[in-house]
PDB file of N, CA and C in Angstrom:
ATOM      1  N   UNK A   1     -21.475   0.451   9.205  1.00  0.00           N
ATOM      2  CA  UNK A   1     -22.120  -0.796   7.474  1.00  0.00           C
ATOM      3  C   UNK A   1     -22.083   0.510   6.876  1.00  0.00           C
ATOM      4  N   UNK A   2     -21.469   0.252   5.467  1.00  0.00           N
ATOM      5  CA  UNK A   2     -22.265   1.138   4.960  1.00  0.00           C
ATOM      6  C   UNK A   2     -23.675   1.143   4.340  1.00  0.00           C
ATOM      7  N   UNK A   3     -24.651   2.463   3.964  1.00  0.00           N
ATOM      8  CA  UNK A   3     -26.289   2.370   4.448  1.00  0.00           C
ATOM      9  C   UNK A   3     -26.729   0.854   3.198  1.00  0.00           C
ATOM     10  N   UNK A   4     -26.186   1.156   1.934  1.00  0.00           N
ATOM     11  CA  UNK A   4     -26.263  -0.248   0.705  1.00  0.00           C
ATOM     12  C   UNK A   4     -26.595  -1.414   1.233  1.00  0.00           C
ATOM     13  N   UNK A   5     -25.436  -1.873   2.213  1.00  0.00           N
ATOM     14  CA  UNK A   5     -24.985  -2.845   2.735  1.00  0.00           C
ATOM     15  C   UNK A   5     -26.267  -3.260   4.295  1.00  0.00           C
ATOM     16  N   UNK A   6     -26.404  -2.394   4.682  1.00  0.00           N
ATOM     17  CA  UNK A   6     -27.354  -2.514   5.832  1.00  0.00           C
ATOM     18  C   UNK A   6     -28.582  -2.762   5.215  1.00  0.00           C
ATOM     19  N   UNK A   7     -28.914  -1.996   4.270  1.00  0.00           N
ATOM     20  CA  UNK A   7     -30.592  -1.845   3.489  1.00  0.00           C
ATOM     21  C   UNK A   7     -30.696  -3.377   3.051  1.00  0.00           C
ATOM     22  N   UNK A   8     -29.383  -3.842   2.336  1.00  0.00           N
ATOM     23  CA  UNK A   8     -29.278  -5.265   1.907  1.00  0.00           C
ATOM     24  C   UNK A   8     -29.351  -6.922   3.274  1.00  0.00           C
ATOM     25  N   UNK A   9     -29.471  -5.789   4.476  1.00  0.00           N
ATOM     26  CA  UNK A   9     -29.561  -7.312   5.571  1.00  0.00           C
ATOM     27  C   UNK A   9     -31.119  -6.824   6.220  1.00  0.00           C
ATOM     28  N   UNK A  10     -31.109  -6.025   5.880  1.00  0.00           N
ATOM     29  CA  UNK A  10     -32.875  -5.812   6.225  1.00  0.00           C
ATOM     30  C   UNK A  10     -33.661  -5.956   5.740  1.00  0.00           C
ATOM     31  N   UNK A  11     -33.377  -6.294   4.171  1.00  0.00           N
ATOM     32  CA  UNK A  11     -35.133  -6.808   3.588  1.00  0.00           C
ATOM     33  C   UNK A  11     -35.095  -7.962   3.057  1.00  0.00           C
ATOM     34  N   UNK A  12     -36.185  -8.154   3.418  1.00  0.00           N
ATOM     35  CA  UNK A  12     -36.654  -9.973   3.271  1.00  0.00           C
ATOM     36  C   UNK A  12     -36.875  -9.806   1.352  1.00  0.00           C
ATOM     37  N   UNK A  13     -36.690  -9.236   0.968  1.00  0.00           N
ATOM     38  CA  UNK A  13     -36.889  -9.229  -1.022  1.00  0.00           C
ATOM     39  C   UNK A  13     -35.390  -9.452  -1.507  1.00  0.00           C
ATOM     40  N   UNK A  14     -35.776 -10.572  -2.093  1.00  0.00           N
ATOM     41  CA  UNK A  14     -34.322 -11.433  -2.447  1.00  0.00           C
ATOM     42  C   UNK A  14     -33.908 -10.163  -3.879  1.00  0.00           C
ATOM     43  N   UNK A  15     -34.790  -9.239  -5.025  1.00  0.00           N
ATOM     44  CA  UNK A  15     -34.169  -8.763  -5.293  1.00  0.00           C
ATOM     45  C   UNK A  15     -33.700  -7.107  -5.168  1.00  0.00           C
ATOM     46  N   UNK A  16     -34.245  -6.880  -4.278  1.00  0.00           N
ATOM     47  CA  UNK A  16     -33.909  -5.826  -3.029  1.00  0.00           C
ATOM     48  C   UNK A  16     -32.664  -5.757  -2.600  1.00  0.00           C
ATOM     49  N   UNK A  17     -31.946  -7.202  -2.218  1.00  0.00           N
ATOM     50  CA  UNK A  17     -31.229  -7.871  -1.602  1.00  0.00           C
ATOM     51  C   UNK A  17     -29.976  -7.187  -2.403  1.00  0.00           C
ATOM     52  N   UNK A  18     -30.354  -7.949  -3.624  1.00  0.00           N
ATOM     53  CA  UNK A  18     -29.113  -8.357  -4.743  1.00  0.00           C
ATOM     54  C   UNK A  18     -29.074  -6.737  -4.906  1.00  0.00           C
ATOM     55  N   UNK A  19     -29.826  -5.960  -4.989  1.00  0.00           N
ATOM     56  CA  UNK A  19     -29.534  -4.569  -6.230  1.00  0.00           C
ATOM     57  C   UNK A  19     -28.564  -3.941  -4.692  1.00  0.00           C
ATOM     58  N   UNK A  20     -29.001  -4.088  -3.878  1.00  0.00           N
ATOM     59  CA  UNK A  20     -28.295  -3.222  -2.128  1.00  0.00           C
ATOM     60  C   UNK A  20     -26.759  -3.701  -2.790  1.00  0.00           C
ATOM     61  N   UNK A  21     -26.483  -5.169  -2.821  1.00  0.00           N
ATOM     62  CA  UNK A  21     -25.475  -5.337  -2.588  1.00  0.00           C
ATOM     63  C   UNK A  21     -23.999  -5.536  -3.515  1.00  0.00           C
ATOM     64  N   UNK A  22     -25.031  -5.194  -4.884  1.00  0.00           N
ATOM     65  CA  UNK A  22     -24.373  -4.483  -6.063  1.00  0.00           C
ATOM     66  C   UNK A  22     -23.923  -3.250  -5.900  1.00  0.00           C
ATOM     67  N   UNK A  23     -25.006  -2.285  -5.516  1.00  0.00           N
ATOM     68  CA  UNK A  23     -24.284  -1.090  -4.663  1.00  0.00           C
ATOM     69  C   UNK A  23     -23.295  -1.002  -3.961  1.00  0.00           C
ATOM     70  N   UNK A  24     -23.455  -1.722  -2.671  1.00  0.00           N
ATOM     71  CA  UNK A  24     -22.581  -2.117  -1.854  1.00  0.00           C
ATOM     72  C   UNK A  24     -21.269  -2.306  -2.343  1.00  0.00           C
ATOM     73  N   UNK A  25     -20.859  -3.131  -3.398  1.00  0.00           N
ATOM     74  CA  UNK A  25     -19.646  -3.358  -4.102  1.00  0.00           C
ATOM     75  C   UNK A  25     -19.218  -2.161  -4.929  1.00  0.00           C
ATOM     76  N   UNK A  26     -20.345  -1.507  -5.699  1.00  0.00           N
ATOM     77  CA  UNK A  26     -20.045  -0.114  -6.611  1.00  0.00           C
ATOM     78  C   UNK A  26     -19.226   0.953  -5.803  1.00  0.00           C
ATOM     79  N   UNK A  27     -19.514   1.560  -4.992  1.00  0.00           N
ATOM     80  CA  UNK A  27     -19.285   1.915  -4.069  1.00  0.00           C
ATOM     81  C   UNK A  27     -18.091   1.701  -3.448  1.00  0.00           C
ATOM     82  N   UNK A  28     -17.593   0.465  -3.134  1.00  0.00           N
ATOM     83  CA  UNK A  28     -16.566  -0.130  -2.633  1.00  0.00           C
ATOM     84  C   UNK A  28     -15.251   0.182  -3.221  1.00  0.00           C
ATOM     85  N   UNK A  29     -15.985  -0.313  -4.717  1.00  0.00           N
ATOM     86  CA  UNK A  29     -15.102  -0.575  -5.795  1.00  0.00           C
ATOM     87  C   UNK A  29     -14.180   1.049  -6.616  1.00  0.00           C
ATOM     88  N   UNK A  30     -15.283   2.337  -6.080  1.00  0.00           N
ATOM     89  CA  UNK A  30     -15.128   3.784  -6.452  1.00  0.00           C
ATOM     90  C   UNK A  30     -14.273   4.514  -5.323  1.00  0.00           C
ATOM     91  N   UNK A  31     -14.429   3.726  -4.237  1.00  0.00           N
ATOM     92  CA  UNK A  31     -13.996   4.178  -3.312  1.00  0.00           C
ATOM     93  C   UNK A  31     -11.670   3.735  -3.101  1.00  0.00           C
ATOM     94  N   UNK A  32     -12.067   2.965  -3.127  1.00  0.00           N
ATOM     95  CA  UNK A  32     -10.870   1.931  -3.789  1.00  0.00           C
ATOM     96  C   UNK A  32      -9.635   2.470  -4.540  1.00  0.00           C
ATOM     97  N   UNK A  33     -10.710   2.481  -5.865  1.00  0.00           N
ATOM     98  CA  UNK A  33     -10.185   3.732  -6.869  1.00  0.00           C
ATOM     99  C   UNK A  33      -9.852   4.919  -7.095  1.00  0.00           C
ATOM    100  N   UNK A  34     -10.517   5.483  -6.208  1.00  0.00           N
ATOM    101  CA  UNK A  34     -10.322   7.239  -5.917  1.00  0.00           C
ATOM    102  C   UNK A  34      -8.638   7.182  -4.627  1.00  0.00           C
ATOM    103  N   UNK A  35      -8.543   5.825  -3.872  1.00  0.00           N
ATOM    104  CA  UNK A  35      -7.876   5.364  -3.018  1.00  0.00           C
ATOM    105  C   UNK A  35      -6.442   5.172  -3.743  1.00  0.00           C
ATOM    106  N   UNK A  36      -6.557   4.396  -4.878  1.00  0.00           N
ATOM    107  CA  UNK A  36      -5.277   4.508  -5.548  1.00  0.00           C
ATOM    108  C   UNK A  36      -4.757   5.496  -5.970  1.00  0.00           C
ATOM    109  N   UNK A  37      -5.390   6.380  -7.137  1.00  0.00           N
ATOM    110  CA  UNK A  37      -5.386   7.826  -7.858  1.00  0.00           C
ATOM    111  C   UNK A  37      -4.880   8.765  -6.790  1.00  0.00           C
ATOM    112  N   UNK A  38      -5.380   8.823  -5.832  1.00  0.00           N
ATOM    113  CA  UNK A  38      -4.609   9.763  -4.549  1.00  0.00           C
ATOM    114  C   UNK A  38      -3.242   9.382  -4.370  1.00  0.00           C
ATOM    115  N   UNK A  39      -2.967   8.080  -4.039  1.00  0.00           N
ATOM    116  CA  UNK A  39      -1.520   7.399  -3.755  1.00  0.00           C
ATOM    117  C   UNK A  39      -1.090   7.723  -4.680  1.00  0.00           C
ATOM    118  N   UNK A  40      -1.219   7.485  -5.819  1.00  0.00           N
ATOM    119  CA  UNK A  40      -0.776   7.461  -7.624  1.00  0.00           C
ATOM    120  C   UNK A  40      -0.370   9.036  -7.281  1.00  0.00           C
ATOM    121  N   UNK A  41      -1.352   9.871  -7.211  1.00  0.00           N
ATOM    122  CA  UNK A  41      -1.189  11.395  -7.246  1.00  0.00           C
ATOM    123  C   UNK A  41       0.230  11.974  -6.694  1.00  0.00           C
ATOM    124  N   UNK A  42       0.190  11.173  -4.983  1.00  0.00           N
ATOM    125  CA  UNK A  42       1.235  11.650  -3.967  1.00  0.00           C
ATOM    126  C   UNK A  42       2.021  11.232  -4.379  1.00  0.00           C
ATOM    127  N   UNK A  43       2.813  10.078  -5.078  1.00  0.00           N
ATOM    128  CA  UNK A  43       3.918   9.923  -5.350  1.00  0.00           C
ATOM    129  C   UNK A  43       4.971  10.322  -6.994  1.00  0.00           C
ATOM    130  N   UNK A  44       3.521  10.607  -7.367  1.00  0.00           N
ATOM    131  CA  UNK A  44       4.049  10.965  -8.353  1.00  0.00           C
ATOM    132  C   UNK A  44       4.441  13.069  -8.066  1.00  0.00           C
ATOM    133  N   UNK A  45       3.982  13.372  -7.412  1.00  0.00           N
ATOM    134  CA  UNK A  45       4.342  14.766  -6.350  1.00  0.00           C
ATOM    135  C   UNK A  45       5.250  14.934  -5.988  1.00  0.00           C
ATOM    136  N   UNK A  46       5.630  13.464  -4.982  1.00  0.00           N
ATOM    137  CA  UNK A  46       6.895  13.604  -4.335  1.00  0.00           C
ATOM    138  C   UNK A  46       7.781  13.278  -5.449  1.00  0.00           C
ATOM    139  N   UNK A  47       7.652  12.624  -6.273  1.00  0.00           N
ATOM    140  CA  UNK A  47       8.904  12.419  -7.222  1.00  0.00           C
ATOM    141  C   UNK A  47       9.239  13.721  -7.932  1.00  0.00           C
ATOM    142  N   UNK A  48       8.226  14.099  -8.227  1.00  0.00           N
ATOM    143  CA  UNK A  48       8.783  16.143  -8.446  1.00  0.00           C
ATOM    144  C   UNK A  48       9.160  17.005  -7.649  1.00  0.00           C
ATOM    145  N   UNK A  49       9.032  16.515  -6.427  1.00  0.00           N
ATOM    146  CA  UNK A  49       9.710  17.596  -5.582  1.00  0.00           C
ATOM    147  C   UNK A  49      11.144  17.156  -5.224  1.00  0.00           C
ATOM    148  N   UNK A  50      11.326  15.762  -4.875  1.00  0.00           N
ATOM    149  CA  UNK A  50      12.658  14.998  -4.510  1.00  0.00           C
ATOM    150  C   UNK A  50      13.580  15.286  -6.205  1.00  0.00           C
ATOM    151  N   UNK A  51      12.734  14.793  -7.207  1.00  0.00           N
ATOM    152  CA  UNK A  51      13.776  15.357  -8.420  1.00  0.00           C
ATOM    153  C   UNK A  51      13.461  16.612  -9.312  1.00  0.00           C
ATOM    154  N   UNK A  52      13.497  17.630  -8.793  1.00  0.00           N
ATOM    155  CA  UNK A  52      13.423  19.072  -9.632  1.00  0.00           C
ATOM    156  C   UNK A  52      13.721  19.096 -11.156  1.00  0.00           C
ATOM    157  N   UNK A  53      13.513  19.680 -11.809  1.00  0.00           N
ATOM    158  CA  UNK A  53      13.157  19.871 -13.232  1.00  0.00           C
ATOM    159  C   UNK A  53      14.238  20.717 -13.854  1.00  0.00           C
TER     160      UNK A  53
END
């Protein structure tokens, strides 16, 4: 479990919990964006190798 999510579960303070949950969502979104970027790069490179200019 990511640290922000674990911290959210561990706290009794609602504002701290919400902040940690927002942080966890932001990190997840950044990781997903990085995965999509990497996949697009690999597809672009594959096309370049298969179809030389």
